[in-house]
Amino acid sequence: MAVPIAVLDCDLLLYGRGHRTLDRFKLEDVTDEYLVSTYGFPRQFIYYLVDLLGASLSRPTQRSRAISPETQILAALGFYTSGSFQTRMGDAIGISQASMSRCVANVTEALVERASQFIHFPEDEATVQSLKDDFYGLAGMPGVLGVVDCTHVAIKAPNAEDLSYVNRKGLHSLNCLMVCDARGVLLSAETHWPGSLPDCTVLQQAALTNQFETELHKDGWLLGDSSFFLRTWLMTPLHIPETPAEYRYNMAHSATHNVIERTFRTIRSRFRCLDGSKGTLQYSPEKSSHIILACCVLHNISLEHGLDVWSSPATGHMEQPEEEYEQMESMDSEACRIRQELLLTHFS
């Protein structure tokens, strides 16, 4: 005898037919102030994301009430910008935890699929020159194509045996290597490196290194701090400056490199799921890496839409592990020659 099986809708079971879920939520019914305070972004930005991601989020489903792209985007933005766990955010906007989890996963993957569209180095000569000019205008450092640094994002422990994600503070994290321009636009973001790896090792193994050593711009360089080794395409500060020119070089280097620190603070402020103030990302390292990269994509899109990178207030964030390294000058004689020429030409 066949036994009939009832298929239950989780949202319907939890809230009933009269509950106002996001599927009935209309953007035009609320103010921009409400959208910004609740989801972190204004109406036109959200409309843009619906157009950008709609096709990826409108996948075939057997559910009678498929969650609309607009709903999925609002739910994911709420999670990214609040730092709330999915249960709390799902309750707040009227969808179940299971639905909230699907929304975050779907939107995250749709954004990650488009990462190369929004995070990349410029290629045409005019844009590259503009990039250098913007950096030069900050503190007089010539030839700069980007500033590079690493930042840690806390994640839950993958398992008791895996120590590769335990950083120097004894916390589980991902060590994320990023490059930005003078406005804070990300030009590169590698978010998957285990927290136990020091910054210099991350850079050594990163795709970024391969890019610069094999194909990218031979007429410029990145700026990195002293946790990295001097390279022909990566200018670092002098460990012990002695001459006025060396002091001026270090001061210009520090003032220019500070842009990446400000960018890190802004990303953490805008996307509270990353700042550690409400707990670690409760996902596997791979999923956590994708969430971080999705937030990086949204950061760049927000700049394209005129949302000022420096406008968000600073917030508390995960204490970054201090790099312990033996300060050593590069053994790359060509890199040393390039830095010395830079000193003589522009800072003497």
C-alpha atoms as a PDB file:
ATOM      1  CA  MET A   1       0.000   0.000   0.000  1.00  0.00           C
ATOM      2  CA  ALA A   2       1.422   3.358  -0.995  1.00  0.00           C
ATOM      3  CA  VAL A   3       1.871   5.822   1.831  1.00  0.00           C
ATOM      4  CA  PRO A   4       1.213   9.468   0.896  1.00  0.00           C
ATOM      5  CA  ILE A   5       4.096  11.799   1.740  1.00  0.00           C
ATOM      6  CA  ALA A   6       3.407  15.414   2.603  1.00  0.00           C
ATOM      7  CA  VAL A   7       5.985  17.932   1.419  1.00  0.00           C
ATOM      8  CA  LEU A   8       6.225  20.726   3.973  1.00  0.00           C
ATOM      9  CA  ASP A   9       7.425  24.262   3.300  1.00  0.00           C
ATOM     10  CA  CYS A  10       9.722  25.232   6.182  1.00  0.00           C
ATOM     11  CA  ASP A  11       8.878  28.938   5.989  1.00  0.00           C
ATOM     12  CA  LEU A  12       5.163  28.232   5.764  1.00  0.00           C
ATOM     13  CA  LEU A  13       5.355  25.862   8.715  1.00  0.00           C
ATOM     14  CA  LEU A  14       7.318  28.338  10.819  1.00  0.00           C
ATOM     15  CA  TYR A  15       5.412  31.520  10.087  1.00  0.00           C
ATOM     16  CA  GLY A  16       2.089  30.736   8.454  1.00  0.00           C
ATOM     17  CA  ARG A  17       0.592  32.268   5.339  1.00  0.00           C
ATOM     18  CA  GLY A  18       0.085  35.689   6.853  1.00  0.00           C
ATOM     19  CA  HIS A  19       3.738  36.310   7.717  1.00  0.00           C
ATOM     20  CA  ARG A  20       5.441  39.044   5.691  1.00  0.00           C
ATOM     21  CA  THR A  21       8.517  37.299   4.315  1.00  0.00           C
ATOM     22  CA  LEU A  22      11.106  38.827   2.037  1.00  0.00           C
ATOM     23  CA  ASP A  23       9.346  37.211  -0.927  1.00  0.00           C
ATOM     24  CA  ARG A  24       6.613  39.799  -0.294  1.00  0.00           C
ATOM     25  CA  PHE A  25       9.088  42.518   0.604  1.00  0.00           C
ATOM     26  CA  LYS A  26       9.176  45.317  -1.969  1.00  0.00           C
ATOM     27  CA  LEU A  27      12.206  47.548  -2.190  1.00  0.00           C
ATOM     28  CA  GLU A  28      10.046  50.470  -3.256  1.00  0.00           C
ATOM     29  CA  ASP A  29       8.056  50.225  -0.025  1.00  0.00           C
ATOM     30  CA  VAL A  30      10.965  51.212   2.232  1.00  0.00           C
ATOM     31  CA  THR A  31      13.415  54.101   2.434  1.00  0.00           C
ATOM     32  CA  ASP A  32      17.067  54.063   1.452  1.00  0.00           C
ATOM     33  CA  GLU A  33      17.865  54.780   5.096  1.00  0.00           C
ATOM     34  CA  TYR A  34      16.135  51.547   6.117  1.00  0.00           C
ATOM     35  CA  LEU A  35      17.945  49.525   3.448  1.00  0.00           C
ATOM     36  CA  VAL A  36      21.341  50.948   4.406  1.00  0.00           C
ATOM     37  CA  SER A  37      20.790  50.408   8.132  1.00  0.00           C
ATOM     38  CA  THR A  38      19.474  46.846   7.664  1.00  0.00           C
ATOM     39  CA  TYR A  39      21.363  45.524   4.641  1.00  0.00           C
ATOM     40  CA  GLY A  40      24.293  47.929   4.375  1.00  0.00           C
ATOM     41  CA  PHE A  41      23.549  49.292   0.891  1.00  0.00           C
ATOM     42  CA  PRO A  42      21.094  51.660  -0.843  1.00  0.00           C
ATOM     43  CA  ARG A  43      18.316  50.719  -3.236  1.00  0.00           C
ATOM     44  CA  GLN A  44      20.077  51.348  -6.564  1.00  0.00           C
ATOM     45  CA  PHE A  45      23.034  49.228  -5.478  1.00  0.00           C
ATOM     46  CA  ILE A  46      20.715  46.346  -4.597  1.00  0.00           C
ATOM     47  CA  TYR A  47      18.890  46.699  -7.932  1.00  0.00           C
ATOM     48  CA  TYR A  48      22.276  46.474  -9.664  1.00  0.00           C
ATOM     49  CA  LEU A  49      23.089  43.249  -7.829  1.00  0.00           C
ATOM     50  CA  VAL A  50      19.710  41.801  -8.825  1.00  0.00           C
ATOM     51  CA  ASP A  51      20.494  42.529 -12.487  1.00  0.00           C
ATOM     52  CA  LEU A  52      24.056  41.223 -12.136  1.00  0.00           C
ATOM     53  CA  LEU A  53      23.280  38.002 -10.275  1.00  0.00           C
ATOM     54  CA  GLY A  54      19.668  37.331 -11.202  1.00  0.00           C
ATOM     55  CA  ALA A  55      20.361  34.700 -13.847  1.00  0.00           C
ATOM     56  CA  SER A  56      22.650  32.718 -11.535  1.00  0.00           C
ATOM     57  CA  LEU A  57      20.143  32.871  -8.688  1.00  0.00           C
ATOM     58  CA  SER A  58      17.112  31.885 -10.764  1.00  0.00           C
ATOM     59  CA  ARG A  59      17.965  28.229 -10.995  1.00  0.00           C
ATOM     60  CA  PRO A  60      15.232  25.633 -11.647  1.00  0.00           C
ATOM     61  CA  THR A  61      13.613  24.311  -8.465  1.00  0.00           C
ATOM     62  CA  GLN A  62      10.912  21.881  -7.530  1.00  0.00           C
ATOM     63  CA  ARG A  63       9.804  24.075  -4.638  1.00  0.00           C
ATOM     64  CA  SER A  64       6.455  25.728  -5.122  1.00  0.00           C
ATOM     65  CA  ARG A  65       7.795  28.924  -3.568  1.00  0.00           C
ATOM     66  CA  ALA A  66      11.289  29.384  -4.959  1.00  0.00           C
ATOM     67  CA  ILE A  67      13.127  32.213  -3.237  1.00  0.00           C
ATOM     68  CA  SER A  68      13.454  35.154  -5.609  1.00  0.00           C
ATOM     69  CA  PRO A  69      16.889  36.591  -6.536  1.00  0.00           C
ATOM     70  CA  GLU A  70      15.965  39.828  -4.769  1.00  0.00           C
ATOM     71  CA  THR A  71      15.188  37.926  -1.573  1.00  0.00           C
ATOM     72  CA  GLN A  72      18.382  35.894  -1.758  1.00  0.00           C
ATOM     73  CA  ILE A  73      20.496  39.019  -2.243  1.00  0.00           C
ATOM     74  CA  LEU A  74      18.881  40.874   0.652  1.00  0.00           C
ATOM     75  CA  ALA A  75      19.301  37.872   2.919  1.00  0.00           C
ATOM     76  CA  ALA A  76      22.984  37.472   1.988  1.00  0.00           C
ATOM     77  CA  LEU A  77      23.707  41.196   2.363  1.00  0.00           C
ATOM     78  CA  GLY A  78      22.087  41.094   5.778  1.00  0.00           C
ATOM     79  CA  PHE A  79      24.411  38.304   6.818  1.00  0.00           C
ATOM     80  CA  TYR A  80      27.558  39.836   5.303  1.00  0.00           C
ATOM     81  CA  THR A  81      27.014  43.259   6.868  1.00  0.00           C
ATOM     82  CA  SER A  82      25.578  42.313  10.258  1.00  0.00           C
ATOM     83  CA  GLY A  83      27.884  39.532  11.334  1.00  0.00           C
ATOM     84  CA  SER A  84      24.841  37.819  12.821  1.00  0.00           C
ATOM     85  CA  PHE A  85      24.575  34.073  12.770  1.00  0.00           C
ATOM     86  CA  GLN A  86      22.171  32.718  10.185  1.00  0.00           C
ATOM     87  CA  THR A  87      19.515  31.752  12.734  1.00  0.00           C
ATOM     88  CA  ARG A  88      19.191  35.299  14.083  1.00  0.00           C
ATOM     89  CA  MET A  89      19.282  36.987  10.699  1.00  0.00           C
ATOM     90  CA  GLY A  90      16.857  34.458   9.238  1.00  0.00           C
ATOM     91  CA  ASP A  91      14.397  35.099  12.070  1.00  0.00           C
ATOM     92  CA  ALA A  92      14.746  38.851  11.618  1.00  0.00           C
ATOM     93  CA  ILE A  93      13.840  38.801   7.918  1.00  0.00           C
ATOM     94  CA  GLY A  94      11.283  36.020   8.031  1.00  0.00           C
ATOM     95  CA  ILE A  95      12.927  33.006   6.418  1.00  0.00           C
ATOM     96  CA  SER A  96      14.089  29.761   7.996  1.00  0.00           C
ATOM     97  CA  GLN A  97      17.682  28.982   8.870  1.00  0.00           C
ATOM     98  CA  ALA A  98      17.798  26.427   6.061  1.00  0.00           C
ATOM     99  CA  SER A  99      16.573  29.054   3.575  1.00  0.00           C
ATOM    100  CA  MET A 100      19.012  31.628   4.937  1.00  0.00           C
ATOM    101  CA  SER A 101      21.878  29.185   4.505  1.00  0.00           C
ATOM    102  CA  ARG A 102      20.875  28.536   0.884  1.00  0.00           C
ATOM    103  CA  CYS A 103      20.666  32.262   0.189  1.00  0.00           C
ATOM    104  CA  VAL A 104      24.139  32.979   1.586  1.00  0.00           C
ATOM    105  CA  ALA A 105      25.625  30.012  -0.303  1.00  0.00           C
ATOM    106  CA  ASN A 106      23.939  30.908  -3.603  1.00  0.00           C
ATOM    107  CA  VAL A 107      24.837  34.592  -3.538  1.00  0.00           C
ATOM    108  CA  THR A 108      28.378  33.862  -2.359  1.00  0.00           C
ATOM    109  CA  GLU A 109      29.032  31.466  -5.235  1.00  0.00           C
ATOM    110  CA  ALA A 110      27.466  33.861  -7.762  1.00  0.00           C
ATOM    111  CA  LEU A 111      29.797  36.642  -6.586  1.00  0.00           C
ATOM    112  CA  VAL A 112      32.861  34.374  -6.527  1.00  0.00           C
ATOM    113  CA  GLU A 113      32.123  33.339 -10.122  1.00  0.00           C
ATOM    114  CA  ARG A 114      32.426  37.024 -11.066  1.00  0.00           C
ATOM    115  CA  ALA A 115      35.498  37.840  -8.972  1.00  0.00           C
ATOM    116  CA  SER A 116      37.829  38.216 -11.966  1.00  0.00           C
ATOM    117  CA  GLN A 117      35.377  40.691 -13.522  1.00  0.00           C
ATOM    118  CA  PHE A 118      35.729  43.094 -10.591  1.00  0.00           C
ATOM    119  CA  ILE A 119      39.127  42.297  -9.016  1.00  0.00           C
ATOM    120  CA  HIS A 120      42.028  42.630 -11.456  1.00  0.00           C
ATOM    121  CA  PHE A 121      44.987  44.778 -12.417  1.00  0.00           C
ATOM    122  CA  PRO A 122      44.458  47.291 -15.213  1.00  0.00           C
ATOM    123  CA  GLU A 123      45.960  46.367 -18.557  1.00  0.00           C
ATOM    124  CA  ASP A 124      45.774  49.396 -20.853  1.00  0.00           C
ATOM    125  CA  GLU A 125      48.623  51.878 -20.622  1.00  0.00           C
ATOM    126  CA  ALA A 126      46.467  54.911 -19.813  1.00  0.00           C
ATOM    127  CA  THR A 127      44.851  53.230 -16.808  1.00  0.00           C
ATOM    128  CA  VAL A 128      48.203  51.913 -15.568  1.00  0.00           C
ATOM    129  CA  GLN A 129      49.687  55.418 -15.763  1.00  0.00           C
ATOM    130  CA  SER A 130      46.680  56.822 -13.925  1.00  0.00           C
ATOM    131  CA  LEU A 131      47.240  54.194 -11.229  1.00  0.00           C
ATOM    132  CA  LYS A 132      50.839  55.318 -10.797  1.00  0.00           C
ATOM    133  CA  ASP A 133      49.855  58.994 -10.776  1.00  0.00           C
ATOM    134  CA  ASP A 134      47.309  58.428  -8.016  1.00  0.00           C
ATOM    135  CA  PHE A 135      49.906  56.726  -5.829  1.00  0.00           C
ATOM    136  CA  TYR A 136      52.508  59.390  -6.576  1.00  0.00           C
ATOM    137  CA  GLY A 137      50.035  62.024  -5.427  1.00  0.00           C
ATOM    138  CA  LEU A 138      49.847  60.448  -1.967  1.00  0.00           C
ATOM    139  CA  ALA A 139      53.466  60.798  -0.852  1.00  0.00           C
ATOM    140  CA  GLY A 140      55.700  61.165  -3.909  1.00  0.00           C
ATOM    141  CA  MET A 141      56.490  57.460  -4.402  1.00  0.00           C
ATOM    142  CA  PRO A 142      56.901  56.828  -8.165  1.00  0.00           C
ATOM    143  CA  GLY A 143      56.106  53.721 -10.205  1.00  0.00           C
ATOM    144  CA  VAL A 144      53.686  52.142  -7.720  1.00  0.00           C
ATOM    145  CA  LEU A 145      51.185  49.683  -9.209  1.00  0.00           C
ATOM    146  CA  GLY A 146      49.629  48.643  -5.907  1.00  0.00           C
ATOM    147  CA  VAL A 147      50.212  48.123  -2.180  1.00  0.00           C
ATOM    148  CA  VAL A 148      50.229  44.560  -0.843  1.00  0.00           C
ATOM    149  CA  ASP A 149      49.700  43.063   2.596  1.00  0.00           C
ATOM    150  CA  CYS A 150      48.057  40.160   4.416  1.00  0.00           C
ATOM    151  CA  THR A 151      45.179  40.152   6.904  1.00  0.00           C
ATOM    152  CA  HIS A 152      43.753  37.326   9.004  1.00  0.00           C
ATOM    153  CA  VAL A 153      40.048  36.415   9.206  1.00  0.00           C
ATOM    154  CA  ALA A 154      38.973  34.130  12.048  1.00  0.00           C
ATOM    155  CA  ILE A 155      37.228  30.858  11.194  1.00  0.00           C
ATOM    156  CA  LYS A 156      35.989  27.912  13.237  1.00  0.00           C
ATOM    157  CA  ALA A 157      38.436  25.063  13.802  1.00  0.00           C
ATOM    158  CA  PRO A 158      38.233  22.679  10.813  1.00  0.00           C
ATOM    159  CA  ASN A 159      39.022  19.719  13.107  1.00  0.00           C
ATOM    160  CA  ALA A 160      41.099  18.941  16.153  1.00  0.00           C
ATOM    161  CA  GLU A 161      43.990  17.460  14.195  1.00  0.00           C
ATOM    162  CA  ASP A 162      44.423  20.182  11.574  1.00  0.00           C
ATOM    163  CA  LEU A 163      46.865  22.766  12.928  1.00  0.00           C
ATOM    164  CA  SER A 164      47.586  24.391   9.569  1.00  0.00           C
ATOM    165  CA  TYR A 165      44.959  27.070  10.238  1.00  0.00           C
ATOM    166  CA  VAL A 166      46.248  27.978  13.724  1.00  0.00           C
ATOM    167  CA  ASN A 167      48.007  31.367  13.599  1.00  0.00           C
ATOM    168  CA  ARG A 168      50.627  32.807  15.938  1.00  0.00           C
ATOM    169  CA  LYS A 169      47.926  33.948  18.367  1.00  0.00           C
ATOM    170  CA  GLY A 170      46.676  30.371  18.692  1.00  0.00           C
ATOM    171  CA  LEU A 171      43.458  31.175  16.783  1.00  0.00           C
ATOM    172  CA  HIS A 172      42.151  29.498  13.638  1.00  0.00           C
ATOM    173  CA  SER A 173      42.190  31.836  10.667  1.00  0.00           C
ATOM    174  CA  LEU A 174      42.683  32.328   6.967  1.00  0.00           C
ATOM    175  CA  ASN A 175      45.607  34.524   5.922  1.00  0.00           C
ATOM    176  CA  CYS A 176      44.367  36.676   3.039  1.00  0.00           C
ATOM    177  CA  LEU A 177      46.800  38.311   0.607  1.00  0.00           C
ATOM    178  CA  MET A 178      45.444  41.470  -1.031  1.00  0.00           C
ATOM    179  CA  VAL A 179      46.587  44.330  -3.236  1.00  0.00           C
ATOM    180  CA  CYS A 180      44.753  47.643  -3.614  1.00  0.00           C
ATOM    181  CA  ASP A 181      45.113  50.900  -5.521  1.00  0.00           C
ATOM    182  CA  ALA A 182      45.293  54.412  -4.065  1.00  0.00           C
ATOM    183  CA  ARG A 183      41.486  54.553  -3.677  1.00  0.00           C
ATOM    184  CA  GLY A 184      41.249  51.230  -1.897  1.00  0.00           C
ATOM    185  CA  VAL A 185      39.992  49.291  -4.922  1.00  0.00           C
ATOM    186  CA  LEU A 186      41.224  45.698  -4.682  1.00  0.00           C
ATOM    187  CA  LEU A 187      43.424  44.609  -7.580  1.00  0.00           C
ATOM    188  CA  SER A 188      44.120  41.111  -6.249  1.00  0.00           C
ATOM    189  CA  ALA A 189      42.618  38.992  -3.450  1.00  0.00           C
ATOM    190  CA  GLU A 190      43.746  35.509  -2.460  1.00  0.00           C
ATOM    191  CA  THR A 191      41.630  34.506   0.526  1.00  0.00           C
ATOM    192  CA  HIS A 192      42.336  30.795   0.950  1.00  0.00           C
ATOM    193  CA  TRP A 193      45.748  30.612   2.641  1.00  0.00           C
ATOM    194  CA  PRO A 194      45.934  28.781   6.031  1.00  0.00           C
ATOM    195  CA  GLY A 195      46.514  31.041   9.021  1.00  0.00           C
ATOM    196  CA  SER A 196      49.691  29.243  10.088  1.00  0.00           C
ATOM    197  CA  LEU A 197      51.569  30.480   7.016  1.00  0.00           C
ATOM    198  CA  PRO A 198      53.634  33.661   7.508  1.00  0.00           C
ATOM    199  CA  ASP A 199      53.055  36.512   5.090  1.00  0.00           C
ATOM    200  CA  CYS A 200      56.324  35.962   3.210  1.00  0.00           C
ATOM    201  CA  THR A 201      55.438  32.307   2.568  1.00  0.00           C
ATOM    202  CA  VAL A 202      51.957  33.223   1.375  1.00  0.00           C
ATOM    203  CA  LEU A 203      53.419  35.677  -1.129  1.00  0.00           C
ATOM    204  CA  GLN A 204      56.046  33.200  -2.254  1.00  0.00           C
ATOM    205  CA  GLN A 205      53.372  30.623  -3.102  1.00  0.00           C
ATOM    206  CA  ALA A 206      50.730  33.066  -4.357  1.00  0.00           C
ATOM    207  CA  ALA A 207      49.451  33.462  -7.893  1.00  0.00           C
ATOM    208  CA  LEU A 208      50.338  37.148  -7.497  1.00  0.00           C
ATOM    209  CA  THR A 209      54.048  36.320  -7.527  1.00  0.00           C
ATOM    210  CA  ASN A 210      53.706  34.283 -10.686  1.00  0.00           C
ATOM    211  CA  GLN A 211      51.811  37.163 -12.311  1.00  0.00           C
ATOM    212  CA  PHE A 212      54.512  39.706 -11.611  1.00  0.00           C
ATOM    213  CA  GLU A 213      57.444  37.461 -12.361  1.00  0.00           C
ATOM    214  CA  THR A 214      56.117  36.206 -15.687  1.00  0.00           C
ATOM    215  CA  GLU A 215      53.723  38.671 -17.253  1.00  0.00           C
ATOM    216  CA  LEU A 216      52.825  41.850 -15.422  1.00  0.00           C
ATOM    217  CA  HIS A 217      54.235  45.372 -15.856  1.00  0.00           C
ATOM    218  CA  LYS A 218      58.008  45.441 -15.834  1.00  0.00           C
ATOM    219  CA  ASP A 219      58.031  49.221 -15.446  1.00  0.00           C
ATOM    220  CA  GLY A 220      56.607  49.448 -11.945  1.00  0.00           C
ATOM    221  CA  TRP A 221      56.337  47.688  -8.595  1.00  0.00           C
ATOM    222  CA  LEU A 222      54.202  46.897  -5.613  1.00  0.00           C
ATOM    223  CA  LEU A 223      54.931  48.232  -2.129  1.00  0.00           C
ATOM    224  CA  GLY A 224      55.126  45.730   0.725  1.00  0.00           C
ATOM    225  CA  ASP A 225      56.160  45.983   4.356  1.00  0.00           C
ATOM    226  CA  SER A 226      59.186  44.346   5.972  1.00  0.00           C
ATOM    227  CA  SER A 227      57.484  40.960   6.311  1.00  0.00           C
ATOM    228  CA  PHE A 228      58.244  40.511   2.598  1.00  0.00           C
ATOM    229  CA  PHE A 229      61.569  40.212   0.810  1.00  0.00           C
ATOM    230  CA  LEU A 230      62.702  42.877  -1.617  1.00  0.00           C
ATOM    231  CA  ARG A 231      62.140  41.871  -5.245  1.00  0.00           C
ATOM    232  CA  THR A 232      62.485  43.646  -8.559  1.00  0.00           C
ATOM    233  CA  TRP A 233      58.699  44.128  -8.575  1.00  0.00           C
ATOM    234  CA  LEU A 234      58.237  44.601  -4.786  1.00  0.00           C
ATOM    235  CA  MET A 235      59.796  47.540  -2.977  1.00  0.00           C
ATOM    236  CA  THR A 236      60.182  47.170   0.800  1.00  0.00           C
ATOM    237  CA  PRO A 237      61.381  49.693   3.405  1.00  0.00           C
ATOM    238  CA  LEU A 238      65.019  49.902   4.431  1.00  0.00           C
ATOM    239  CA  HIS A 239      65.633  48.136   7.731  1.00  0.00           C
ATOM    240  CA  ILE A 240      68.071  50.741   9.110  1.00  0.00           C
ATOM    241  CA  PRO A 241      67.898  54.009   7.152  1.00  0.00           C
ATOM    242  CA  GLU A 242      71.044  56.087   7.487  1.00  0.00           C
ATOM    243  CA  THR A 243      70.979  58.927   4.952  1.00  0.00           C
ATOM    244  CA  PRO A 244      68.347  61.665   4.539  1.00  0.00           C
ATOM    245  CA  ALA A 245      67.364  60.087   1.219  1.00  0.00           C
ATOM    246  CA  GLU A 246      66.785  56.725   2.901  1.00  0.00           C
ATOM    247  CA  TYR A 247      64.640  58.354   5.598  1.00  0.00           C
ATOM    248  CA  ARG A 248      62.599  60.172   2.953  1.00  0.00           C
ATOM    249  CA  TYR A 249      62.156  56.919   1.033  1.00  0.00           C
ATOM    250  CA  ASN A 250      60.931  55.085   4.138  1.00  0.00           C
ATOM    251  CA  MET A 251      58.514  57.885   5.042  1.00  0.00           C
ATOM    252  CA  ALA A 252      57.034  57.953   1.534  1.00  0.00           C
ATOM    253  CA  HIS A 253      56.837  54.159   1.538  1.00  0.00           C
ATOM    254  CA  SER A 254      55.009  54.069   4.890  1.00  0.00           C
ATOM    255  CA  ALA A 255      52.529  56.795   3.962  1.00  0.00           C
ATOM    256  CA  THR A 256      51.711  55.081   0.663  1.00  0.00           C
ATOM    257  CA  HIS A 257      51.520  51.558   2.064  1.00  0.00           C
ATOM    258  CA  ASN A 258      49.072  52.744   4.748  1.00  0.00           C
ATOM    259  CA  VAL A 259      46.318  52.684   2.111  1.00  0.00           C
ATOM    260  CA  ILE A 260      46.033  48.887   2.357  1.00  0.00           C
ATOM    261  CA  GLU A 261      45.605  49.043   6.145  1.00  0.00           C
ATOM    262  CA  ARG A 262      42.809  51.572   5.740  1.00  0.00           C
ATOM    263  CA  THR A 263      41.231  49.332   3.128  1.00  0.00           C
ATOM    264  CA  PHE A 264      41.337  46.332   5.467  1.00  0.00           C
ATOM    265  CA  ARG A 265      39.655  48.389   8.203  1.00  0.00           C
ATOM    266  CA  THR A 266      36.969  49.561   5.816  1.00  0.00           C
ATOM    267  CA  ILE A 267      36.179  46.059   4.550  1.00  0.00           C
ATOM    268  CA  ARG A 268      35.874  44.784   8.126  1.00  0.00           C
ATOM    269  CA  SER A 269      33.683  47.739   9.047  1.00  0.00           C
ATOM    270  CA  ARG A 270      31.356  47.253   6.088  1.00  0.00           C
ATOM    271  CA  PHE A 271      31.225  43.446   6.295  1.00  0.00           C
ATOM    272  CA  ARG A 272      30.894  42.656   9.983  1.00  0.00           C
ATOM    273  CA  CYS A 273      30.873  38.907   9.349  1.00  0.00           C
ATOM    274  CA  LEU A 274      34.654  39.283   8.861  1.00  0.00           C
ATOM    275  CA  ASP A 275      35.655  41.449  11.820  1.00  0.00           C
ATOM    276  CA  GLY A 276      35.416  38.784  14.518  1.00  0.00           C
ATOM    277  CA  SER A 277      33.334  40.952  16.853  1.00  0.00           C
ATOM    278  CA  LYS A 278      30.389  38.526  16.702  1.00  0.00           C
ATOM    279  CA  GLY A 279      32.351  35.318  16.490  1.00  0.00           C
ATOM    280  CA  THR A 280      34.265  33.468  13.807  1.00  0.00           C
ATOM    281  CA  LEU A 281      32.929  32.405  10.429  1.00  0.00           C
ATOM    282  CA  GLN A 282      31.143  29.129  11.178  1.00  0.00           C
ATOM    283  CA  TYR A 283      32.093  27.426   7.940  1.00  0.00           C
ATOM    284  CA  SER A 284      34.780  25.213   6.482  1.00  0.00           C
ATOM    285  CA  PRO A 285      37.961  26.954   5.307  1.00  0.00           C
ATOM    286  CA  GLU A 286      36.827  26.661   1.679  1.00  0.00           C
ATOM    287  CA  LYS A 287      33.390  28.183   2.298  1.00  0.00           C
ATOM    288  CA  SER A 288      34.874  30.853   4.566  1.00  0.00           C
ATOM    289  CA  SER A 289      37.369  31.738   1.830  1.00  0.00           C
ATOM    290  CA  HIS A 290      34.512  32.148  -0.631  1.00  0.00           C
ATOM    291  CA  ILE A 291      32.578  34.401   1.757  1.00  0.00           C
ATOM    292  CA  ILE A 292      35.644  36.623   2.206  1.00  0.00           C
ATOM    293  CA  LEU A 293      36.145  36.815  -1.569  1.00  0.00           C
ATOM    294  CA  ALA A 294      32.441  37.610  -2.090  1.00  0.00           C
ATOM    295  CA  CYS A 295      32.794  40.521   0.339  1.00  0.00           C
ATOM    296  CA  CYS A 296      35.863  41.706  -1.591  1.00  0.00           C
ATOM    297  CA  VAL A 297      33.840  41.691  -4.821  1.00  0.00           C
ATOM    298  CA  LEU A 298      31.057  43.685  -3.133  1.00  0.00           C
ATOM    299  CA  HIS A 299      33.660  46.124  -1.799  1.00  0.00           C
ATOM    300  CA  ASN A 300      34.885  46.875  -5.324  1.00  0.00           C
ATOM    301  CA  ILE A 301      31.360  47.092  -6.751  1.00  0.00           C
ATOM    302  CA  SER A 302      30.450  49.563  -4.007  1.00  0.00           C
ATOM    303  CA  LEU A 303      33.373  51.786  -5.027  1.00  0.00           C
ATOM    304  CA  GLU A 304      32.231  51.644  -8.647  1.00  0.00           C
ATOM    305  CA  HIS A 305      28.888  52.968  -7.407  1.00  0.00           C
ATOM    306  CA  GLY A 306      30.443  55.881  -5.541  1.00  0.00           C
ATOM    307  CA  LEU A 307      30.110  54.476  -2.026  1.00  0.00           C
ATOM    308  CA  ASP A 308      33.178  56.049  -0.458  1.00  0.00           C
ATOM    309  CA  VAL A 309      35.730  53.531   0.766  1.00  0.00           C
ATOM    310  CA  TRP A 310      36.646  55.745   3.730  1.00  0.00           C
ATOM    311  CA  SER A 311      33.106  56.694   4.781  1.00  0.00           C
ATOM    312  CA  SER A 312      32.404  53.760   7.119  1.00  0.00           C
ATOM    313  CA  PRO A 313      33.345  54.226  10.800  1.00  0.00           C
ATOM    314  CA  ALA A 314      36.141  52.102  12.193  1.00  0.00           C
ATOM    315  CA  THR A 315      35.106  49.121  14.310  1.00  0.00           C
ATOM    316  CA  GLY A 316      36.772  46.547  16.479  1.00  0.00           C
ATOM    317  CA  HIS A 317      38.276  43.626  14.639  1.00  0.00           C
ATOM    318  CA  MET A 318      40.248  40.472  15.144  1.00  0.00           C
ATOM    319  CA  GLU A 319      43.665  41.177  16.584  1.00  0.00           C
ATOM    320  CA  GLN A 320      46.100  40.496  13.777  1.00  0.00           C
ATOM    321  CA  PRO A 321      48.964  38.108  14.533  1.00  0.00           C
ATOM    322  CA  GLU A 322      52.271  39.938  14.622  1.00  0.00           C
ATOM    323  CA  GLU A 323      54.727  38.585  12.119  1.00  0.00           C
ATOM    324  CA  GLU A 324      57.946  37.366  13.706  1.00  0.00           C
ATOM    325  CA  TYR A 325      60.693  37.375  11.148  1.00  0.00           C
ATOM    326  CA  GLU A 326      64.385  37.936  10.922  1.00  0.00           C
ATOM    327  CA  GLN A 327      64.862  41.191   9.094  1.00  0.00           C
ATOM    328  CA  MET A 328      67.022  40.384   6.089  1.00  0.00           C
ATOM    329  CA  GLU A 329      67.826  42.358   3.011  1.00  0.00           C
ATOM    330  CA  SER A 330      67.148  40.659  -0.288  1.00  0.00           C
ATOM    331  CA  MET A 331      69.940  38.691  -1.906  1.00  0.00           C
ATOM    332  CA  ASP A 332      68.497  39.725  -5.258  1.00  0.00           C
ATOM    333  CA  SER A 333      71.167  42.075  -6.554  1.00  0.00           C
ATOM    334  CA  GLU A 334      68.934  43.411  -9.317  1.00  0.00           C
ATOM    335  CA  ALA A 335      66.206  44.270  -6.788  1.00  0.00           C
ATOM    336  CA  CYS A 336      68.762  46.072  -4.629  1.00  0.00           C
ATOM    337  CA  ARG A 337      69.998  47.995  -7.669  1.00  0.00           C
ATOM    338  CA  ILE A 338      66.458  49.092  -8.573  1.00  0.00           C
ATOM    339  CA  ARG A 339      65.758  50.347  -5.049  1.00  0.00           C
ATOM    340  CA  GLN A 340      69.071  52.182  -4.891  1.00  0.00           C
ATOM    341  CA  GLU A 341      68.349  53.832  -8.238  1.00  0.00           C
ATOM    342  CA  LEU A 342      64.916  54.828  -6.916  1.00  0.00           C
ATOM    343  CA  LEU A 343      66.586  56.399  -3.877  1.00  0.00           C
ATOM    344  CA  LEU A 344      69.105  58.344  -5.951  1.00  0.00           C
ATOM    345  CA  THR A 345      66.625  59.490  -8.584  1.00  0.00           C
ATOM    346  CA  HIS A 346      63.655  60.536  -6.445  1.00  0.00           C
ATOM    347  CA  PHE A 347      64.702  60.935  -2.809  1.00  0.00           C
ATOM    348  CA  SER A 348      68.239  62.391  -2.872  1.00  0.00           C
END
